[in-house]
Amino acid sequence: VSGTSSCTLGALTAATCSANPCDASAAPVNGAVGDCTSTLASGSTCQPTCNTGYTVSGTSSCLAGTFTTAECSVAPSPPPPSPPPPAAAAVQAEMQLTGYSAAEFDDDKKTNFKTGMAKYLGVDSAAITITSVVDVTAGRRKLSAVDSVLKVEFTVE
């Protein structure tokens, strides 16, 4: 109640009623008062702020002397960045095999070569492509009893 009621010369002056204000000066947990003050009128709102890493839930408000405070909650972490796509690269290589000729190096031997090379390199055999199979002329000296040498050229994707 504000003022008093009185009657003077037939005119009534009435006291007025206003809802109780709220004390909004207390900071929320993990936050600060922001623009809230010690006297917040009924029906009004104010905005507290939150510490780094926290997000405010809305506004604080006062209604007829009852104060409802906004809360500061842990801000959600952003999702981790996506991993980069695998690098695309191709390597060309060759290997010389003794004891084989191009005529003997059939599809089965090519498959076995790809499987063994894939296992050695730690890749799928489908990543290996044989690009050529060539007989190599033996050198002037024989280093072994077997004189046929085969050069296998291949790529690894």
N, C-alpha and C. Protein backbone atom coordinates (compact mmCIF):
# COMPACT_ATOMS: atom_id res chain seq x y z
N VAL A 1 0.86 -1.18 0.00
CA VAL A 1 0.00 0.00 0.00
C VAL A 1 0.89 1.23 0.00
N SER A 2 0.51 2.15 -0.84
CA SER A 2 1.27 3.38 -0.93
C SER A 2 0.32 4.53 -0.63
N GLY A 3 0.65 5.33 0.37
CA GLY A 3 -0.19 6.46 0.75
C GLY A 3 -1.32 6.03 1.65
N THR A 4 -2.20 6.97 1.97
CA THR A 4 -3.36 6.69 2.83
C THR A 4 -4.61 7.13 2.11
N SER A 5 -5.69 6.54 2.50
CA SER A 5 -6.97 6.94 1.93
C SER A 5 -7.51 8.09 2.78
N SER A 6 -8.11 9.09 2.11
CA SER A 6 -8.69 10.22 2.86
C SER A 6 -9.84 10.80 2.07
N CYS A 7 -10.65 11.54 2.79
CA CYS A 7 -11.79 12.19 2.16
C CYS A 7 -11.75 13.66 2.56
N THR A 8 -11.66 14.52 1.60
CA THR A 8 -11.59 15.95 1.88
C THR A 8 -12.61 16.65 1.00
N LEU A 9 -13.54 17.34 1.66
CA LEU A 9 -14.60 18.08 0.98
C LEU A 9 -15.33 17.22 -0.04
N GLY A 10 -15.56 15.99 0.32
CA GLY A 10 -16.32 15.08 -0.52
C GLY A 10 -15.50 14.41 -1.60
N ALA A 11 -14.21 14.67 -1.62
CA ALA A 11 -13.36 14.03 -2.63
C ALA A 11 -12.53 12.95 -1.95
N LEU A 12 -12.61 11.74 -2.49
CA LEU A 12 -11.88 10.60 -1.92
C LEU A 12 -10.51 10.50 -2.58
N THR A 13 -9.51 10.43 -1.76
CA THR A 13 -8.16 10.17 -2.24
C THR A 13 -7.81 8.79 -1.70
N ALA A 14 -7.67 7.84 -2.59
CA ALA A 14 -7.45 6.45 -2.17
C ALA A 14 -5.97 6.11 -2.18
N ALA A 15 -5.61 5.26 -1.25
CA ALA A 15 -4.25 4.71 -1.25
C ALA A 15 -4.12 3.78 -2.45
N THR A 16 -2.91 3.58 -2.91
CA THR A 16 -2.72 2.69 -4.06
C THR A 16 -2.00 1.42 -3.62
N CYS A 17 -2.29 0.35 -4.32
CA CYS A 17 -1.63 -0.93 -4.05
C CYS A 17 -0.74 -1.26 -5.23
N SER A 18 0.45 -1.65 -4.94
CA SER A 18 1.35 -2.10 -6.01
C SER A 18 2.02 -3.39 -5.52
N ALA A 19 2.26 -4.27 -6.47
CA ALA A 19 2.88 -5.56 -6.13
C ALA A 19 4.29 -5.33 -5.63
N ASN A 20 4.72 -6.22 -4.77
CA ASN A 20 6.06 -6.11 -4.20
C ASN A 20 7.14 -6.29 -5.28
N PRO A 21 8.20 -5.49 -5.22
CA PRO A 21 9.32 -5.68 -6.13
C PRO A 21 10.17 -6.86 -5.66
N CYS A 22 11.18 -7.20 -6.45
CA CYS A 22 12.07 -8.31 -6.11
C CYS A 22 13.51 -7.80 -6.03
N ASP A 23 14.29 -8.48 -5.23
CA ASP A 23 15.73 -8.21 -5.19
C ASP A 23 16.39 -9.15 -6.21
N ALA A 24 16.89 -8.57 -7.30
CA ALA A 24 17.48 -9.36 -8.38
C ALA A 24 19.00 -9.19 -8.41
N SER A 25 19.58 -8.77 -7.29
CA SER A 25 21.02 -8.46 -7.28
C SER A 25 21.92 -9.68 -7.07
N ALA A 26 21.34 -10.85 -6.83
CA ALA A 26 22.17 -12.05 -6.65
C ALA A 26 22.48 -12.66 -8.02
N ALA A 27 23.75 -12.91 -8.27
CA ALA A 27 24.16 -13.51 -9.55
C ALA A 27 23.79 -14.98 -9.58
N PRO A 28 23.41 -15.50 -10.74
CA PRO A 28 23.15 -16.94 -10.83
C PRO A 28 24.47 -17.72 -10.67
N VAL A 29 24.37 -18.98 -10.30
CA VAL A 29 25.56 -19.81 -10.19
C VAL A 29 26.25 -19.84 -11.55
N ASN A 30 27.56 -19.66 -11.58
CA ASN A 30 28.37 -19.63 -12.79
C ASN A 30 28.04 -18.44 -13.69
N GLY A 31 27.60 -17.33 -13.07
CA GLY A 31 27.27 -16.15 -13.86
C GLY A 31 27.44 -14.86 -13.09
N ALA A 32 26.98 -13.76 -13.70
CA ALA A 32 27.03 -12.43 -13.11
C ALA A 32 25.65 -11.79 -13.23
N VAL A 33 25.41 -10.68 -12.47
CA VAL A 33 24.07 -10.07 -12.42
C VAL A 33 23.63 -9.47 -13.73
N GLY A 34 24.55 -9.10 -14.61
CA GLY A 34 24.15 -8.48 -15.88
C GLY A 34 23.47 -7.16 -15.61
N ASP A 35 22.25 -6.93 -16.17
CA ASP A 35 21.55 -5.66 -15.94
C ASP A 35 20.51 -5.75 -14.82
N CYS A 36 20.55 -6.83 -14.02
CA CYS A 36 19.63 -6.98 -12.89
C CYS A 36 20.08 -6.08 -11.73
N THR A 37 19.11 -5.56 -10.98
CA THR A 37 19.41 -4.65 -9.87
C THR A 37 18.78 -5.15 -8.58
N SER A 38 19.01 -4.43 -7.50
CA SER A 38 18.46 -4.84 -6.20
C SER A 38 16.95 -4.60 -6.12
N THR A 39 16.40 -3.77 -6.98
CA THR A 39 14.95 -3.53 -6.99
C THR A 39 14.42 -3.73 -8.40
N LEU A 40 13.78 -4.86 -8.61
CA LEU A 40 13.18 -5.16 -9.90
C LEU A 40 11.66 -5.12 -9.73
N ALA A 41 11.00 -4.22 -10.44
CA ALA A 41 9.55 -4.04 -10.30
C ALA A 41 8.82 -5.31 -10.72
N SER A 42 7.67 -5.54 -10.06
CA SER A 42 6.83 -6.68 -10.40
C SER A 42 6.41 -6.56 -11.87
N GLY A 43 6.49 -7.67 -12.61
CA GLY A 43 6.13 -7.67 -14.03
C GLY A 43 7.31 -7.34 -14.93
N SER A 44 8.48 -7.12 -14.34
CA SER A 44 9.66 -6.75 -15.13
C SER A 44 10.62 -7.94 -15.24
N THR A 45 11.52 -7.82 -16.20
CA THR A 45 12.56 -8.83 -16.39
C THR A 45 13.93 -8.15 -16.45
N CYS A 46 14.95 -8.94 -16.24
CA CYS A 46 16.33 -8.47 -16.41
C CYS A 46 17.15 -9.61 -16.95
N GLN A 47 18.34 -9.29 -17.44
CA GLN A 47 19.16 -10.30 -18.09
C GLN A 47 20.49 -10.48 -17.38
N PRO A 48 20.66 -11.63 -16.68
CA PRO A 48 21.98 -11.93 -16.12
C PRO A 48 22.91 -12.42 -17.23
N THR A 49 24.19 -12.50 -16.97
CA THR A 49 25.15 -13.04 -17.92
C THR A 49 25.80 -14.28 -17.32
N CYS A 50 26.41 -15.08 -18.16
CA CYS A 50 27.05 -16.32 -17.69
C CYS A 50 28.54 -16.28 -17.97
N ASN A 51 29.27 -17.02 -17.15
CA ASN A 51 30.72 -17.15 -17.31
C ASN A 51 31.03 -17.87 -18.62
N THR A 52 32.26 -17.74 -19.07
CA THR A 52 32.72 -18.43 -20.28
C THR A 52 32.48 -19.93 -20.12
N GLY A 53 31.92 -20.52 -21.16
CA GLY A 53 31.66 -21.96 -21.14
C GLY A 53 30.25 -22.30 -20.65
N TYR A 54 29.46 -21.24 -20.31
CA TYR A 54 28.09 -21.45 -19.83
C TYR A 54 27.13 -20.65 -20.69
N THR A 55 25.88 -21.11 -20.76
CA THR A 55 24.85 -20.45 -21.54
C THR A 55 23.68 -20.11 -20.63
N VAL A 56 23.12 -18.87 -20.78
CA VAL A 56 22.00 -18.44 -19.96
C VAL A 56 20.71 -19.07 -20.48
N SER A 57 19.80 -19.45 -19.57
CA SER A 57 18.56 -20.15 -19.94
C SER A 57 17.45 -19.22 -20.39
N GLY A 58 17.60 -17.93 -20.25
CA GLY A 58 16.54 -16.99 -20.62
C GLY A 58 16.72 -15.71 -19.83
N THR A 59 15.61 -15.17 -19.30
CA THR A 59 15.69 -13.95 -18.49
C THR A 59 15.22 -14.24 -17.07
N SER A 60 15.61 -13.36 -16.15
CA SER A 60 15.11 -13.43 -14.77
C SER A 60 13.89 -12.52 -14.71
N SER A 61 12.92 -12.86 -13.85
CA SER A 61 11.68 -12.06 -13.80
C SER A 61 11.17 -11.94 -12.37
N CYS A 62 10.32 -10.91 -12.18
CA CYS A 62 9.69 -10.66 -10.89
C CYS A 62 8.18 -10.59 -11.10
N LEU A 63 7.43 -11.31 -10.26
CA LEU A 63 5.98 -11.24 -10.32
C LEU A 63 5.44 -11.26 -8.90
N ALA A 64 4.89 -10.13 -8.51
CA ALA A 64 4.28 -9.97 -7.18
C ALA A 64 5.22 -10.41 -6.06
N GLY A 65 6.50 -10.00 -6.17
CA GLY A 65 7.45 -10.29 -5.10
C GLY A 65 8.12 -11.64 -5.21
N THR A 66 7.76 -12.44 -6.21
CA THR A 66 8.41 -13.75 -6.40
C THR A 66 9.39 -13.62 -7.56
N PHE A 67 10.66 -13.90 -7.25
CA PHE A 67 11.72 -13.75 -8.24
C PHE A 67 12.05 -15.11 -8.86
N THR A 68 12.08 -15.15 -10.16
CA THR A 68 12.48 -16.36 -10.89
C THR A 68 13.76 -16.01 -11.63
N THR A 69 14.83 -16.73 -11.30
CA THR A 69 16.13 -16.40 -11.88
C THR A 69 16.47 -17.29 -13.07
N ALA A 70 17.13 -16.69 -14.03
CA ALA A 70 17.66 -17.46 -15.16
C ALA A 70 18.81 -18.31 -14.63
N GLU A 71 19.11 -19.39 -15.32
CA GLU A 71 20.19 -20.28 -14.89
C GLU A 71 21.30 -20.31 -15.94
N CYS A 72 22.50 -20.55 -15.47
CA CYS A 72 23.65 -20.72 -16.36
C CYS A 72 23.99 -22.20 -16.39
N SER A 73 23.91 -22.79 -17.56
CA SER A 73 24.24 -24.20 -17.70
C SER A 73 25.44 -24.36 -18.63
N VAL A 74 26.10 -25.49 -18.51
CA VAL A 74 27.29 -25.74 -19.31
C VAL A 74 26.91 -25.68 -20.78
N ALA A 75 27.66 -24.88 -21.53
CA ALA A 75 27.40 -24.76 -22.97
C ALA A 75 27.73 -26.08 -23.64
N PRO A 76 26.91 -26.50 -24.60
CA PRO A 76 27.23 -27.75 -25.30
C PRO A 76 28.52 -27.59 -26.10
N SER A 77 29.29 -28.65 -26.13
CA SER A 77 30.53 -28.64 -26.90
C SER A 77 30.20 -28.78 -28.37
N PRO A 78 30.94 -28.06 -29.22
CA PRO A 78 30.70 -28.25 -30.65
C PRO A 78 31.16 -29.65 -31.05
N PRO A 79 30.56 -30.21 -32.07
CA PRO A 79 31.00 -31.54 -32.50
C PRO A 79 32.43 -31.47 -33.02
N PRO A 80 33.17 -32.55 -32.89
CA PRO A 80 34.55 -32.52 -33.40
C PRO A 80 34.53 -32.37 -34.92
N PRO A 81 35.58 -31.80 -35.48
CA PRO A 81 35.60 -31.64 -36.93
C PRO A 81 35.67 -33.01 -37.61
N SER A 82 35.12 -33.07 -38.78
CA SER A 82 35.15 -34.32 -39.55
C SER A 82 36.58 -34.61 -39.97
N PRO A 83 36.96 -35.86 -39.98
CA PRO A 83 38.32 -36.18 -40.43
C PRO A 83 38.45 -35.87 -41.92
N PRO A 84 39.64 -35.51 -42.34
CA PRO A 84 39.81 -35.23 -43.77
C PRO A 84 39.63 -36.51 -44.57
N PRO A 85 39.22 -36.36 -45.81
CA PRO A 85 39.08 -37.58 -46.62
C PRO A 85 40.46 -38.20 -46.84
N PRO A 86 40.49 -39.49 -47.07
CA PRO A 86 41.79 -40.13 -47.29
C PRO A 86 42.48 -39.53 -48.52
N ALA A 87 43.76 -39.39 -48.41
CA ALA A 87 44.52 -38.82 -49.51
C ALA A 87 44.54 -39.80 -50.67
N ALA A 88 44.37 -39.25 -51.85
CA ALA A 88 44.42 -40.09 -53.04
C ALA A 88 45.80 -39.96 -53.64
N ALA A 89 46.49 -41.05 -53.77
CA ALA A 89 47.83 -41.04 -54.33
C ALA A 89 48.05 -42.36 -55.06
N ALA A 90 48.93 -42.31 -56.02
CA ALA A 90 49.29 -43.52 -56.74
C ALA A 90 50.82 -43.59 -56.77
N VAL A 91 51.34 -44.79 -56.64
CA VAL A 91 52.78 -45.01 -56.67
C VAL A 91 53.06 -46.01 -57.78
N GLN A 92 54.06 -45.68 -58.59
CA GLN A 92 54.49 -46.61 -59.63
C GLN A 92 55.75 -47.31 -59.13
N ALA A 93 55.83 -48.59 -59.37
CA ALA A 93 56.99 -49.35 -58.91
C ALA A 93 57.28 -50.49 -59.88
N GLU A 94 58.45 -51.07 -59.71
CA GLU A 94 58.78 -52.26 -60.50
C GLU A 94 59.56 -53.21 -59.61
N MET A 95 59.48 -54.48 -59.97
CA MET A 95 60.20 -55.50 -59.22
C MET A 95 60.73 -56.51 -60.23
N GLN A 96 61.96 -56.93 -60.02
CA GLN A 96 62.53 -57.96 -60.89
C GLN A 96 62.47 -59.30 -60.17
N LEU A 97 61.99 -60.28 -60.90
CA LEU A 97 61.84 -61.63 -60.35
C LEU A 97 62.72 -62.57 -61.16
N THR A 98 63.54 -63.33 -60.49
CA THR A 98 64.36 -64.33 -61.19
C THR A 98 63.63 -65.65 -61.22
N GLY A 99 63.87 -66.38 -62.30
CA GLY A 99 63.27 -67.71 -62.44
C GLY A 99 61.93 -67.69 -63.14
N TYR A 100 61.54 -66.55 -63.68
CA TYR A 100 60.26 -66.46 -64.39
C TYR A 100 60.49 -65.80 -65.74
N SER A 101 59.62 -66.12 -66.66
CA SER A 101 59.60 -65.43 -67.94
C SER A 101 58.20 -64.87 -68.12
N ALA A 102 58.07 -63.91 -69.04
CA ALA A 102 56.76 -63.30 -69.29
C ALA A 102 55.75 -64.34 -69.72
N ALA A 103 56.19 -65.34 -70.47
CA ALA A 103 55.28 -66.38 -70.95
C ALA A 103 54.74 -67.22 -69.79
N GLU A 104 55.55 -67.40 -68.73
CA GLU A 104 55.14 -68.21 -67.58
C GLU A 104 54.29 -67.43 -66.58
N PHE A 105 54.36 -66.11 -66.64
CA PHE A 105 53.70 -65.27 -65.64
C PHE A 105 52.23 -65.09 -66.01
N ASP A 106 51.45 -66.15 -65.80
CA ASP A 106 50.04 -66.17 -66.19
C ASP A 106 49.15 -65.45 -65.16
N ASP A 107 47.84 -65.51 -65.37
CA ASP A 107 46.89 -64.80 -64.49
C ASP A 107 46.99 -65.27 -63.05
N ASP A 108 47.18 -66.56 -62.81
CA ASP A 108 47.31 -67.05 -61.44
C ASP A 108 48.53 -66.45 -60.75
N LYS A 109 49.66 -66.42 -61.48
CA LYS A 109 50.88 -65.84 -60.89
C LYS A 109 50.71 -64.33 -60.66
N LYS A 110 50.02 -63.66 -61.57
CA LYS A 110 49.75 -62.23 -61.38
C LYS A 110 48.88 -62.00 -60.14
N THR A 111 47.88 -62.84 -59.97
CA THR A 111 47.02 -62.73 -58.78
C THR A 111 47.83 -62.97 -57.51
N ASN A 112 48.69 -64.01 -57.52
CA ASN A 112 49.54 -64.29 -56.36
C ASN A 112 50.51 -63.13 -56.09
N PHE A 113 51.04 -62.54 -57.16
CA PHE A 113 51.95 -61.39 -57.01
C PHE A 113 51.20 -60.23 -56.34
N LYS A 114 50.01 -59.91 -56.84
CA LYS A 114 49.22 -58.81 -56.28
C LYS A 114 48.86 -59.08 -54.81
N THR A 115 48.47 -60.32 -54.50
CA THR A 115 48.10 -60.67 -53.12
C THR A 115 49.29 -60.53 -52.18
N GLY A 116 50.45 -61.05 -52.60
CA GLY A 116 51.65 -60.96 -51.77
C GLY A 116 52.12 -59.52 -51.60
N MET A 117 52.12 -58.74 -52.68
CA MET A 117 52.55 -57.35 -52.62
C MET A 117 51.58 -56.53 -51.75
N ALA A 118 50.28 -56.80 -51.87
CA ALA A 118 49.28 -56.09 -51.06
C ALA A 118 49.50 -56.37 -49.58
N LYS A 119 49.77 -57.62 -49.25
CA LYS A 119 50.02 -57.97 -47.85
C LYS A 119 51.28 -57.28 -47.34
N TYR A 120 52.31 -57.26 -48.15
CA TYR A 120 53.58 -56.62 -47.78
C TYR A 120 53.38 -55.10 -47.57
N LEU A 121 52.60 -54.47 -48.45
CA LEU A 121 52.38 -53.02 -48.37
C LEU A 121 51.25 -52.62 -47.43
N GLY A 122 50.44 -53.58 -46.98
CA GLY A 122 49.33 -53.26 -46.08
C GLY A 122 48.17 -52.58 -46.79
N VAL A 123 47.93 -52.96 -48.04
CA VAL A 123 46.82 -52.41 -48.81
C VAL A 123 45.96 -53.56 -49.33
N ASP A 124 44.81 -53.21 -49.87
CA ASP A 124 43.94 -54.21 -50.48
C ASP A 124 44.53 -54.59 -51.84
N SER A 125 44.43 -55.84 -52.22
CA SER A 125 45.01 -56.27 -53.50
C SER A 125 44.35 -55.56 -54.68
N ALA A 126 43.12 -55.08 -54.51
CA ALA A 126 42.44 -54.34 -55.58
C ALA A 126 43.12 -53.01 -55.86
N ALA A 127 43.96 -52.53 -54.92
CA ALA A 127 44.66 -51.26 -55.11
C ALA A 127 45.89 -51.42 -56.00
N ILE A 128 46.25 -52.65 -56.32
CA ILE A 128 47.45 -52.90 -57.12
C ILE A 128 47.04 -53.27 -58.54
N THR A 129 47.66 -52.57 -59.50
CA THR A 129 47.41 -52.85 -60.91
C THR A 129 48.75 -53.16 -61.58
N ILE A 130 48.86 -54.32 -62.19
CA ILE A 130 50.06 -54.67 -62.93
C ILE A 130 49.97 -53.98 -64.29
N THR A 131 50.97 -53.13 -64.58
CA THR A 131 50.93 -52.35 -65.83
C THR A 131 51.74 -52.98 -66.95
N SER A 132 52.78 -53.76 -66.60
CA SER A 132 53.52 -54.46 -67.66
C SER A 132 54.33 -55.61 -67.06
N VAL A 133 54.58 -56.59 -67.89
CA VAL A 133 55.41 -57.75 -67.54
C VAL A 133 56.38 -57.92 -68.71
N VAL A 134 57.69 -57.74 -68.42
CA VAL A 134 58.69 -57.73 -69.50
C VAL A 134 59.84 -58.66 -69.13
N ASP A 135 60.30 -59.46 -70.12
CA ASP A 135 61.50 -60.27 -69.93
C ASP A 135 62.70 -59.33 -69.98
N VAL A 136 63.65 -59.54 -69.06
CA VAL A 136 64.87 -58.74 -69.01
C VAL A 136 66.02 -59.61 -69.47
N THR A 137 66.86 -59.08 -70.32
CA THR A 137 68.02 -59.83 -70.81
C THR A 137 68.99 -60.02 -69.66
N ALA A 138 69.47 -61.24 -69.50
CA ALA A 138 70.42 -61.53 -68.42
C ALA A 138 71.71 -60.78 -68.66
N GLY A 139 72.39 -60.42 -67.60
CA GLY A 139 73.65 -59.69 -67.69
C GLY A 139 74.75 -60.58 -68.23
N ARG A 140 75.94 -60.01 -68.37
CA ARG A 140 77.07 -60.76 -68.92
C ARG A 140 77.47 -61.93 -68.03
N ARG A 141 77.37 -61.73 -66.74
CA ARG A 141 77.75 -62.81 -65.81
C ARG A 141 76.50 -63.49 -65.29
N LYS A 142 76.58 -64.73 -65.10
CA LYS A 142 75.48 -65.46 -64.48
C LYS A 142 75.70 -65.43 -62.98
N LEU A 143 74.72 -64.90 -62.26
CA LEU A 143 74.83 -64.86 -60.81
C LEU A 143 74.23 -66.10 -60.18
N SER A 144 73.42 -66.82 -60.93
CA SER A 144 72.82 -68.04 -60.41
C SER A 144 72.61 -68.99 -61.56
N ALA A 145 72.16 -70.18 -61.21
CA ALA A 145 71.91 -71.17 -62.25
C ALA A 145 70.70 -70.78 -63.08
N VAL A 146 69.81 -69.97 -62.53
CA VAL A 146 68.61 -69.54 -63.24
C VAL A 146 68.95 -68.24 -63.96
N ASP A 147 68.77 -68.21 -65.27
CA ASP A 147 69.16 -67.01 -66.00
C ASP A 147 67.98 -66.18 -66.50
N SER A 148 66.74 -66.60 -66.29
CA SER A 148 65.61 -65.79 -66.73
C SER A 148 65.23 -64.78 -65.64
N VAL A 149 65.02 -63.54 -66.09
CA VAL A 149 64.65 -62.45 -65.17
C VAL A 149 63.42 -61.76 -65.75
N LEU A 150 62.47 -61.47 -64.88
CA LEU A 150 61.21 -60.86 -65.29
C LEU A 150 61.06 -59.53 -64.56
N LYS A 151 60.70 -58.47 -65.28
CA LYS A 151 60.42 -57.17 -64.66
C LYS A 151 58.91 -56.97 -64.64
N VAL A 152 58.36 -56.78 -63.43
CA VAL A 152 56.93 -56.54 -63.27
C VAL A 152 56.75 -55.09 -62.83
N GLU A 153 56.08 -54.30 -63.64
CA GLU A 153 55.78 -52.90 -63.30
C GLU A 153 54.35 -52.85 -62.83
N PHE A 154 54.11 -52.06 -61.76
CA PHE A 154 52.77 -52.00 -61.19
C PHE A 154 52.55 -50.64 -60.53
N THR A 155 51.29 -50.32 -60.30
CA THR A 155 50.92 -49.12 -59.56
C THR A 155 50.12 -49.53 -58.33
N VAL A 156 50.24 -48.69 -57.31
CA VAL A 156 49.47 -48.88 -56.09
C VAL A 156 48.65 -47.62 -55.89
N GLU A 157 47.37 -47.73 -55.87
CA GLU A 157 46.47 -46.57 -55.67
C GLU A 157 46.20 -46.37 -54.20
